[in-house]
């Protein structure tokens, strides 16, 4: 991995042992989190904890505690300034949310808003924990490759579940029962225009489609560059994820996937672009013959949108939200305090303006901007094609995730946010390791066996 700076002092400030037991421990923790996030249905929680009892949320809180402990003992405490921007961006967002929470609790507030506000703080802490643990705790390119592969592979399995739901017209997840966990919602099978909308283990199809479009760029990177693995194994996640997005009947998933793939193409060769276009064209032709209703349904999602009730609801929300934004413009009325009974915006950015104000909303956007700027810096200086492609793929993943936030209230869906914050953590680790590799301490990006 090439890097603009060759200052050897950069390597000396990194106190981590790249191949030590701590790095293996963090890799194992992240693997467990990924498996739980995708495999355990979101509707199953630890009963007494209610909406705060999601297993993935609890693991995220544990991850935050681990990060604090490791930080106190010097694990990742000292790192080059170029590795810190994402941490600072997350800190600014957390600070704005904290200020909003204090202001909300220091004034009269409806009693039924207090518990959701507390859960929102716990949720953010959980997501921050998984981001920080991966950001600081992945200690080598080898371990980064391992986590990335397991992330994509599990995403491929999750996509296969969605395909099975579409084919069988069965929820399937209603058959999953885990001792000690209770269900807070029924496993509902959604439909649109007579077609099943798969949801996997997610709460809703829109959440499912969004997290898959976040994963798609990384799955394409795996398919193109993990050539040490059999072709069928390395390509199955990308094929499965692309396939289930195609049948998702989700406008946000289609837009996010197209955006992600278009960005990925920046790092591809002309031949790779031609192959992709050919595959898409052939796939569309086959689907037109085998599933004509699906093509009609997709077309209807984008034709005549001005008459679509869901679009009308979203646009009408702006004028409704303005009164709340004007009342608390800087820090909002408190994260989690704007309950669904008041209004469902189906736009996380609009919800952020209402709940954490202009300051908090800008801080959230800044996280995505900082992440992508870090990745573009890596892309501009590296020479290894595989590393360049990964930097662009991560940009595509982050962009798809942050654009998708405009289409639904993402903070109410733990799988989407858990996926997005883990990707942000991988971005931080990748940027940090790129800098260290440039100092000559480690080889460029590689992977390990499963």
Protein backbone atom coordinates (compact mmCIF):
# COMPACT_ATOMS: atom_id res chain seq x y z
CA UNK A 1 0.00 0.00 0.00
CA UNK A 2 1.46 3.33 -1.01
CA UNK A 3 1.03 6.44 1.06
CA UNK A 4 1.99 10.08 0.66
CA UNK A 5 3.95 10.24 3.90
CA UNK A 6 7.04 8.17 4.60
CA UNK A 7 7.69 9.58 8.04
CA UNK A 8 8.87 6.60 10.07
CA UNK A 9 7.71 8.27 13.28
CA UNK A 10 4.15 7.52 12.23
CA UNK A 11 4.75 3.82 12.71
CA UNK A 12 6.27 4.31 16.13
CA UNK A 13 3.17 5.92 17.63
CA UNK A 14 1.05 2.84 16.86
CA UNK A 15 1.22 0.73 20.02
CA UNK A 16 -0.85 -2.18 18.81
CA UNK A 17 0.53 -5.63 18.29
CA UNK A 18 -0.80 -6.36 14.81
CA UNK A 19 -0.95 -10.12 15.12
CA UNK A 20 -1.41 -10.35 18.86
CA UNK A 21 -4.13 -11.93 20.92
CA UNK A 22 -5.98 -8.64 21.33
CA UNK A 23 -6.50 -8.34 17.60
CA UNK A 24 -7.74 -11.93 17.42
CA UNK A 25 -10.12 -11.23 20.29
CA UNK A 26 -11.57 -8.16 18.57
CA UNK A 27 -11.95 -10.08 15.30
CA UNK A 28 -13.84 -12.81 17.15
CA UNK A 29 -16.07 -10.23 18.87
CA UNK A 30 -16.92 -8.57 15.57
CA UNK A 31 -17.68 -11.95 14.02
CA UNK A 32 -20.11 -12.79 16.82
CA UNK A 33 -21.76 -9.39 16.39
CA UNK A 34 -22.20 -9.90 12.64
CA UNK A 35 -23.72 -13.35 13.10
CA UNK A 36 -26.12 -12.13 15.79
CA UNK A 37 -27.03 -8.98 13.86
CA UNK A 38 -28.04 -10.94 10.76
CA UNK A 39 -29.17 -14.29 12.16
CA UNK A 40 -31.31 -13.30 15.16
CA UNK A 41 -34.64 -11.78 14.05
CA UNK A 42 -34.96 -8.17 15.22
CA UNK A 43 -38.35 -8.93 16.75
CA UNK A 44 -36.73 -11.25 19.33
CA UNK A 45 -35.53 -9.44 22.45
CA UNK A 46 -34.76 -10.06 26.10
CA UNK A 47 -38.30 -9.66 27.42
CA UNK A 48 -37.75 -7.55 30.56
CA UNK A 49 -35.69 -5.02 28.59
CA UNK A 50 -38.32 -4.42 25.92
CA UNK A 51 -37.10 -2.49 22.88
CA UNK A 52 -33.68 -2.12 24.51
CA UNK A 53 -33.30 -5.89 24.72
CA UNK A 54 -32.14 -6.64 21.18
CA UNK A 55 -29.18 -9.03 21.35
CA UNK A 56 -27.25 -7.02 18.79
CA UNK A 57 -27.80 -3.86 20.85
CA UNK A 58 -26.58 -5.57 23.99
CA UNK A 59 -23.48 -6.82 22.16
CA UNK A 60 -22.88 -3.28 20.92
CA UNK A 61 -23.02 -1.98 24.48
CA UNK A 62 -20.57 -4.67 25.54
CA UNK A 63 -18.35 -3.62 22.62
CA UNK A 64 -18.39 -0.04 23.85
CA UNK A 65 -17.33 -1.23 27.30
CA UNK A 66 -14.54 -3.33 25.78
CA UNK A 67 -13.34 -0.35 23.75
CA UNK A 68 -13.20 1.82 26.87
CA UNK A 69 -11.26 -0.84 28.79
CA UNK A 70 -8.82 -1.42 25.95
CA UNK A 71 -8.38 2.32 25.53
CA UNK A 72 -7.51 2.69 29.22
CA UNK A 73 -4.82 0.03 28.95
CA UNK A 74 -3.30 1.71 25.91
CA UNK A 75 -4.86 -0.36 23.13
CA UNK A 76 -5.27 2.14 20.30
CA UNK A 77 -4.99 5.14 22.60
CA UNK A 78 -2.11 6.64 20.62
CA UNK A 79 -2.49 6.81 16.87
CA UNK A 80 -1.44 9.23 14.13
CA UNK A 81 -3.63 12.33 13.73
CA UNK A 82 -4.67 11.18 10.26
CA UNK A 83 -6.38 8.17 11.86
CA UNK A 84 -8.58 10.21 14.19
CA UNK A 85 -11.07 12.19 12.04
CA UNK A 86 -13.84 9.60 12.22
CA UNK A 87 -13.50 9.36 15.98
CA UNK A 88 -13.77 13.13 16.26
CA UNK A 89 -16.79 13.19 13.94
CA UNK A 90 -18.51 10.51 16.01
CA UNK A 91 -17.62 12.41 19.18
CA UNK A 92 -19.16 15.61 17.80
CA UNK A 93 -22.36 13.77 16.93
CA UNK A 94 -22.53 12.07 20.33
CA UNK A 95 -21.93 15.43 22.04
CA UNK A 96 -24.78 17.08 20.14
CA UNK A 97 -27.09 14.18 21.02
CA UNK A 98 -26.04 14.47 24.67
CA UNK A 99 -26.76 18.19 24.76
CA UNK A 100 -30.14 17.55 23.16
CA UNK A 101 -30.94 14.88 25.77
CA UNK A 102 -29.98 17.14 28.69
CA UNK A 103 -32.07 20.01 27.32
CA UNK A 104 -35.05 17.69 26.79
CA UNK A 105 -34.88 16.29 30.33
CA UNK A 106 -34.43 19.70 31.91
CA UNK A 107 -37.80 20.93 30.73
CA UNK A 108 -41.37 19.59 30.88
CA UNK A 109 -41.66 16.41 28.84
CA UNK A 110 -44.40 13.86 28.27
CA UNK A 111 -43.88 10.78 30.42
CA UNK A 112 -44.16 8.41 27.46
CA UNK A 113 -41.24 10.19 25.75
CA UNK A 114 -38.72 9.54 28.52
CA UNK A 115 -38.20 5.82 27.97
CA UNK A 116 -37.79 6.12 24.16
CA UNK A 117 -35.25 8.90 24.74
CA UNK A 118 -33.27 6.63 27.07
CA UNK A 119 -33.44 3.77 24.55
CA UNK A 120 -32.23 6.12 21.80
CA UNK A 121 -29.15 7.00 23.87
CA UNK A 122 -28.47 3.32 24.53
CA UNK A 123 -28.89 2.53 20.83
CA UNK A 124 -26.42 5.22 19.82
CA UNK A 125 -23.96 4.00 22.45
CA UNK A 126 -24.31 0.47 21.09
CA UNK A 127 -23.68 1.50 17.49
CA UNK A 128 -20.79 3.73 18.54
CA UNK A 129 -19.33 0.81 20.47
CA UNK A 130 -19.23 -1.49 17.46
CA UNK A 131 -17.83 1.31 15.30
CA UNK A 132 -15.07 2.21 17.77
CA UNK A 133 -14.12 -1.38 18.50
CA UNK A 134 -13.67 -2.12 14.81
CA UNK A 135 -12.08 1.29 14.12
CA UNK A 136 -9.35 0.86 16.77
CA UNK A 137 -9.34 -2.85 17.43
CA UNK A 138 -8.61 -4.36 14.01
CA UNK A 139 -4.86 -4.57 14.19
CA UNK A 140 -3.75 -5.72 10.75
CA UNK A 141 -4.79 -5.84 7.12
CA UNK A 142 -5.07 -9.58 7.49
CA UNK A 143 -7.67 -9.26 10.23
CA UNK A 144 -9.50 -6.55 8.32
CA UNK A 145 -9.76 -8.94 5.39
CA UNK A 146 -11.10 -11.65 7.67
CA UNK A 147 -13.80 -9.41 9.15
CA UNK A 148 -14.76 -8.08 5.72
CA UNK A 149 -15.08 -11.58 4.28
CA UNK A 150 -17.24 -12.81 7.17
CA UNK A 151 -19.37 -9.66 6.95
CA UNK A 152 -20.06 -10.20 3.25
CA UNK A 153 -20.50 -13.97 3.57
CA UNK A 154 -23.11 -13.59 6.32
CA UNK A 155 -24.81 -10.92 4.22
CA UNK A 156 -24.99 -13.42 1.37
CA UNK A 157 -26.66 -15.97 3.64
CA UNK A 158 -29.13 -13.31 4.76
CA UNK A 159 -29.89 -12.59 1.11
CA UNK A 160 -30.56 -16.28 0.47
CA UNK A 161 -33.18 -16.17 3.21
CA UNK A 162 -34.92 -13.33 1.39
CA UNK A 163 -34.90 -15.27 -1.87
CA UNK A 164 -36.43 -18.24 -0.05
CA UNK A 165 -39.15 -15.98 1.38
CA UNK A 166 -39.95 -14.66 -2.08
CA UNK A 167 -40.03 -18.14 -3.64
CA UNK A 168 -42.08 -19.86 -0.90
CA UNK A 169 -44.26 -16.86 0.04
CA UNK A 170 -43.54 -17.77 3.66
CA UNK A 171 -41.96 -15.61 6.38
CA UNK A 172 -39.83 -18.59 7.54
CA UNK A 173 -38.41 -16.55 10.45
CA UNK A 174 -41.60 -17.28 12.39
CA UNK A 175 -40.14 -20.75 12.85
CA UNK A 176 -37.16 -19.32 14.75
CA UNK A 177 -37.45 -19.50 18.52
CA UNK A 178 -34.55 -18.79 20.87
CA UNK A 179 -34.77 -19.70 24.58
CA UNK A 180 -34.77 -16.61 26.78
CA UNK A 181 -35.97 -14.29 24.03
CA UNK A 182 -39.51 -13.08 23.46
CA UNK A 183 -41.11 -11.68 20.33
CA UNK A 184 -42.26 -8.05 20.37
CA UNK A 185 -43.92 -8.31 16.95
CA UNK A 186 -45.35 -10.89 14.60
CA UNK A 187 -43.28 -12.17 11.68
CA UNK A 188 -45.29 -10.41 8.97
CA UNK A 189 -44.99 -11.15 5.26
CA UNK A 190 -45.28 -7.90 3.29
CA UNK A 191 -46.67 -7.59 -0.22
CA UNK A 192 -46.67 -4.96 -2.95
CA UNK A 193 -48.59 -5.29 -6.22
CA UNK A 194 -49.23 -8.94 -5.47
CA UNK A 195 -45.52 -9.71 -4.97
CA UNK A 196 -43.86 -10.76 -1.73
CA UNK A 197 -41.46 -8.20 -0.28
CA UNK A 198 -38.78 -10.22 1.54
CA UNK A 199 -37.57 -8.91 4.88
CA UNK A 200 -35.09 -11.58 5.95
CA UNK A 201 -34.66 -11.30 9.70
CA UNK A 202 -35.28 -7.54 9.64
CA UNK A 203 -38.32 -5.76 11.01
CA UNK A 204 -39.42 -4.39 7.64
CA UNK A 205 -38.52 -4.88 3.93
CA UNK A 206 -37.21 -1.32 3.65
CA UNK A 207 -34.67 -2.02 6.40
CA UNK A 208 -33.71 -5.29 4.74
CA UNK A 209 -33.23 -3.68 1.35
CA UNK A 210 -31.18 -0.82 2.78
CA UNK A 211 -28.69 -2.97 4.66
CA UNK A 212 -28.24 -5.15 1.57
CA UNK A 213 -27.52 -2.16 -0.67
CA UNK A 214 -24.90 -1.11 1.91
CA UNK A 215 -23.33 -4.57 1.61
CA UNK A 216 -23.52 -4.86 -2.19
CA UNK A 217 -20.38 -2.77 -3.00
CA UNK A 218 -18.34 -4.81 -0.50
CA UNK A 219 -19.71 -8.05 -1.95
CA UNK A 220 -18.67 -6.93 -5.44
CA UNK A 221 -15.18 -6.19 -4.14
CA UNK A 222 -14.98 -9.68 -2.65
CA UNK A 223 -16.12 -11.24 -5.91
CA UNK A 224 -13.57 -9.32 -7.97
CA UNK A 225 -10.53 -9.55 -5.73
CA UNK A 226 -10.72 -12.48 -3.32
CA UNK A 227 -9.26 -14.79 -5.93
CA UNK A 228 -7.67 -17.05 -3.35
CA UNK A 229 -11.20 -18.41 -2.84
CA UNK A 230 -13.17 -20.57 -5.30
CA UNK A 231 -15.17 -18.44 -7.80
CA UNK A 232 -18.53 -19.81 -6.68
CA UNK A 233 -17.80 -19.06 -3.02
CA UNK A 234 -16.53 -15.53 -3.56
CA UNK A 235 -19.28 -14.53 -6.01
CA UNK A 236 -22.30 -16.07 -4.28
CA UNK A 237 -22.77 -13.15 -1.81
CA UNK A 238 -22.81 -10.53 -4.59
CA UNK A 239 -25.17 -12.59 -6.75
CA UNK A 240 -27.52 -13.37 -3.86
CA UNK A 241 -27.55 -9.77 -2.59
CA UNK A 242 -28.12 -8.32 -6.07
CA UNK A 243 -30.84 -10.88 -6.70
CA UNK A 244 -32.80 -10.14 -3.55
CA UNK A 245 -32.48 -6.38 -4.11
CA UNK A 246 -33.98 -6.92 -7.57
CA UNK A 247 -37.05 -8.63 -6.09
CA UNK A 248 -37.33 -6.34 -3.06
CA UNK A 249 -39.91 -3.96 -4.59
CA UNK A 250 -38.17 -1.26 -2.54
CA UNK A 251 -37.55 2.12 -4.14
CA UNK A 252 -34.85 3.01 -1.61
CA UNK A 253 -33.03 -0.30 -2.17
CA UNK A 254 -32.99 0.24 -5.94
CA UNK A 255 -31.67 3.79 -5.66
CA UNK A 256 -29.07 2.82 -3.06
CA UNK A 257 -27.89 -0.17 -5.09
CA UNK A 258 -27.59 1.85 -8.31
CA UNK A 259 -25.66 4.59 -6.51
CA UNK A 260 -23.33 2.06 -4.91
CA UNK A 261 -22.59 0.20 -8.15
CA UNK A 262 -22.03 3.41 -10.11
CA UNK A 263 -19.46 4.56 -7.54
CA UNK A 264 -17.80 1.12 -7.57
CA UNK A 265 -17.32 1.37 -11.32
CA UNK A 266 -14.85 4.23 -10.79
CA UNK A 267 -12.19 1.70 -9.78
CA UNK A 268 -13.13 -0.94 -12.37
CA UNK A 269 -11.52 -1.58 -15.72
CA UNK A 270 -13.43 -0.98 -18.95
CA UNK A 271 -13.79 -4.72 -19.38
CA UNK A 272 -15.32 -5.12 -15.93
CA UNK A 273 -17.80 -2.32 -16.65
CA UNK A 274 -18.83 -3.92 -19.94
CA UNK A 275 -19.33 -7.28 -18.24
CA UNK A 276 -21.53 -5.71 -15.56
CA UNK A 277 -23.66 -3.88 -18.12
CA UNK A 278 -24.07 -7.10 -20.10
CA UNK A 279 -25.09 -9.05 -16.99
CA UNK A 280 -27.64 -6.40 -16.02
CA UNK A 281 -29.10 -6.33 -19.53
CA UNK A 282 -29.37 -10.12 -19.71
CA UNK A 283 -30.84 -10.28 -16.21
CA UNK A 284 -33.44 -7.66 -17.08
CA UNK A 285 -34.39 -9.55 -20.24
CA UNK A 286 -34.75 -12.85 -18.37
CA UNK A 287 -36.79 -11.21 -15.60
CA UNK A 288 -39.08 -9.61 -18.20
CA UNK A 289 -39.94 -13.07 -19.46
CA UNK A 290 -39.96 -15.01 -16.19
CA UNK A 291 -41.34 -12.33 -13.85
CA UNK A 292 -43.18 -9.72 -15.95
CA UNK A 293 -45.19 -8.58 -12.92
CA UNK A 294 -41.95 -7.71 -11.11
CA UNK A 295 -40.77 -5.49 -13.97
CA UNK A 296 -44.15 -3.76 -14.06
CA UNK A 297 -44.03 -3.27 -10.28
CA UNK A 298 -40.53 -1.76 -10.44
CA UNK A 299 -41.56 0.56 -13.26
CA UNK A 300 -44.62 1.73 -11.34
CA UNK A 301 -42.43 2.67 -8.37
CA UNK A 302 -40.76 5.39 -10.46
CA UNK A 303 -43.49 6.34 -12.93
CA UNK A 304 -46.16 8.68 -11.66
CA UNK A 305 -44.52 9.12 -8.25
CA UNK A 306 -46.46 12.35 -7.75
CA UNK A 307 -49.55 10.18 -7.21
CA UNK A 308 -47.84 7.72 -4.88
CA UNK A 309 -49.32 8.00 -1.34
CA UNK A 310 -45.98 7.13 0.27
CA UNK A 311 -44.26 9.94 -1.64
CA UNK A 312 -47.04 12.35 -0.77
CA UNK A 313 -46.71 11.44 2.90
CA UNK A 314 -42.99 12.15 2.81
CA UNK A 315 -43.32 15.52 1.09
CA UNK A 316 -46.16 16.60 3.36
CA UNK A 317 -43.94 15.88 6.35
CA UNK A 318 -41.68 18.85 5.61
CA UNK A 319 -44.29 21.47 6.39
CA UNK A 320 -45.44 19.50 9.42
CA UNK A 321 -41.91 19.20 10.77
CA UNK A 322 -41.04 22.86 10.32
CA UNK A 323 -43.05 23.96 13.35
CA UNK A 324 -41.03 21.61 15.58
CA UNK A 325 -37.72 22.58 13.98
CA UNK A 326 -38.44 26.29 14.49
CA UNK A 327 -39.25 25.67 18.16
CA UNK A 328 -35.88 24.01 18.91
CA UNK A 329 -33.64 24.81 15.90
CA UNK A 330 -30.17 24.12 17.29
CA UNK A 331 -30.40 20.93 19.35
CA UNK A 332 -33.97 19.77 18.75
CA UNK A 333 -36.46 18.33 21.20
CA UNK A 334 -34.41 15.24 22.12
CA UNK A 335 -33.45 12.07 20.23
CA UNK A 336 -36.22 9.50 20.49
CA UNK A 337 -38.83 11.89 21.89
CA UNK A 338 -40.75 12.38 18.65
CA UNK A 339 -42.98 9.31 18.82
CA UNK A 340 -44.66 7.56 15.87
CA UNK A 341 -48.04 8.63 17.24
CA UNK A 342 -47.12 12.21 16.34
CA UNK A 343 -45.89 11.49 12.82
CA UNK A 344 -43.78 9.02 10.87
CA UNK A 345 -41.54 11.09 8.63
CA UNK A 346 -39.97 8.23 6.63
CA UNK A 347 -36.92 10.48 6.41
CA UNK A 348 -34.22 10.14 9.04
CA UNK A 349 -32.66 13.51 8.23
CA UNK A 350 -35.96 15.27 8.77
CA UNK A 351 -36.36 13.33 12.00
CA UNK A 352 -32.87 14.42 13.06
CA UNK A 353 -33.70 18.08 12.44
CA UNK A 354 -36.71 17.72 14.71
CA UNK A 355 -35.07 15.67 17.46
CA UNK A 356 -31.45 16.87 17.60
CA UNK A 357 -31.67 20.08 15.59
CA UNK A 358 -29.49 21.57 12.91
CA UNK A 359 -26.32 20.98 14.93
CA UNK A 360 -27.00 17.28 15.42
CA UNK A 361 -28.17 16.69 11.85
CA UNK A 362 -25.06 18.35 10.45
CA UNK A 363 -22.90 16.30 12.81
CA UNK A 364 -24.51 13.10 11.50
CA UNK A 365 -23.90 14.12 7.88
CA UNK A 366 -20.32 15.05 8.82
CA UNK A 367 -19.62 11.45 9.83
CA UNK A 368 -20.40 10.26 6.32
CA UNK A 369 -18.45 13.10 4.71
CA UNK A 370 -15.40 12.48 6.89
CA UNK A 371 -15.51 8.75 6.17
CA UNK A 372 -15.65 9.26 2.41
CA UNK A 373 -12.93 11.94 2.45
CA UNK A 374 -10.63 9.59 4.34
CA UNK A 375 -11.25 6.87 1.78
CA UNK A 376 -10.68 9.18 -1.16
CA UNK A 377 -7.35 10.19 0.33
CA UNK A 378 -6.36 6.54 0.40
CA UNK A 379 -7.57 6.07 -3.19
CA UNK A 380 -5.52 9.01 -4.43
CA UNK A 381 -2.21 7.74 -3.06
CA UNK A 382 -2.30 3.94 -3.21
CA UNK A 383 -0.99 1.97 -6.18
CA UNK A 384 -2.27 -1.51 -5.40
CA UNK A 385 -5.45 -2.13 -7.50
CA UNK A 386 -7.01 -4.28 -4.81
CA UNK A 387 -6.57 -1.60 -2.16
CA UNK A 388 -7.83 1.09 -4.53
CA UNK A 389 -10.93 -0.95 -5.27
CA UNK A 390 -11.62 -1.50 -1.57
CA UNK A 391 -11.38 2.22 -0.86
CA UNK A 392 -13.91 2.98 -3.60
CA UNK A 393 -16.15 0.09 -2.52
CA UNK A 394 -16.23 1.46 1.02
CA UNK A 395 -17.08 4.92 -0.35
CA UNK A 396 -19.96 3.33 -2.27
CA UNK A 397 -21.13 1.48 0.83
CA UNK A 398 -21.10 4.60 3.01
CA UNK A 399 -22.76 6.72 0.31
CA UNK A 400 -25.51 4.14 -0.24
CA UNK A 401 -26.14 3.98 3.50
CA UNK A 402 -26.30 7.72 4.11
CA UNK A 403 -28.46 8.39 1.03
CA UNK A 404 -30.86 5.64 2.12
CA UNK A 405 -31.41 7.43 5.44
CA UNK A 406 -33.53 9.92 3.52
CA UNK A 407 -36.14 7.26 2.73
CA UNK A 408 -37.10 5.90 6.15
CA UNK A 409 -36.72 6.42 9.89
CA UNK A 410 -33.53 4.38 10.03
CA UNK A 411 -32.77 4.93 13.72
CA UNK A 412 -35.82 2.82 14.56
CA UNK A 413 -34.33 -0.15 12.71
CA UNK A 414 -31.36 -1.72 14.53
CA UNK A 415 -30.10 -3.93 11.69
CA UNK A 416 -29.61 -1.02 9.29
CA UNK A 417 -27.79 1.17 11.78
CA UNK A 418 -25.72 -1.72 13.13
CA UNK A 419 -24.61 -2.49 9.57
CA UNK A 420 -23.84 1.15 8.74
CA UNK A 421 -21.84 1.82 11.91
CA UNK A 422 -19.85 -1.39 11.43
CA UNK A 423 -18.99 -0.24 7.91
CA UNK A 424 -17.87 3.11 9.35
CA UNK A 425 -15.64 1.24 11.79
CA UNK A 426 -14.13 -0.73 8.92
CA UNK A 427 -13.51 2.56 7.11
CA UNK A 428 -11.56 3.85 10.09
CA UNK A 429 -9.53 0.66 10.42
CA UNK A 430 -8.80 0.58 6.70
CA UNK A 431 -7.60 4.20 6.67
CA UNK A 432 -5.43 3.68 9.73
CA UNK A 433 -3.88 0.50 8.39
CA UNK A 434 -3.23 2.14 5.03
CA UNK A 435 -1.15 4.78 6.77
CA UNK A 436 0.79 2.19 8.73
CA UNK A 437 1.42 0.12 5.62
CA UNK A 438 2.81 3.20 3.91
CA UNK A 439 5.40 3.43 6.68
CA UNK A 440 6.67 0.01 5.60
CA UNK A 441 5.55 -1.84 8.72
CA UNK A 442 2.95 -4.10 7.09
CA UNK A 443 2.18 -5.49 3.64
CA UNK A 444 -0.80 -4.33 1.61
CA UNK A 445 -4.33 -5.59 2.07
CA UNK A 446 -4.59 -9.37 2.30
CA UNK A 447 -7.05 -11.91 3.62
CA UNK A 448 -6.98 -15.06 5.67
CA UNK A 449 -8.90 -18.32 5.54
CA UNK A 450 -12.48 -18.26 6.76
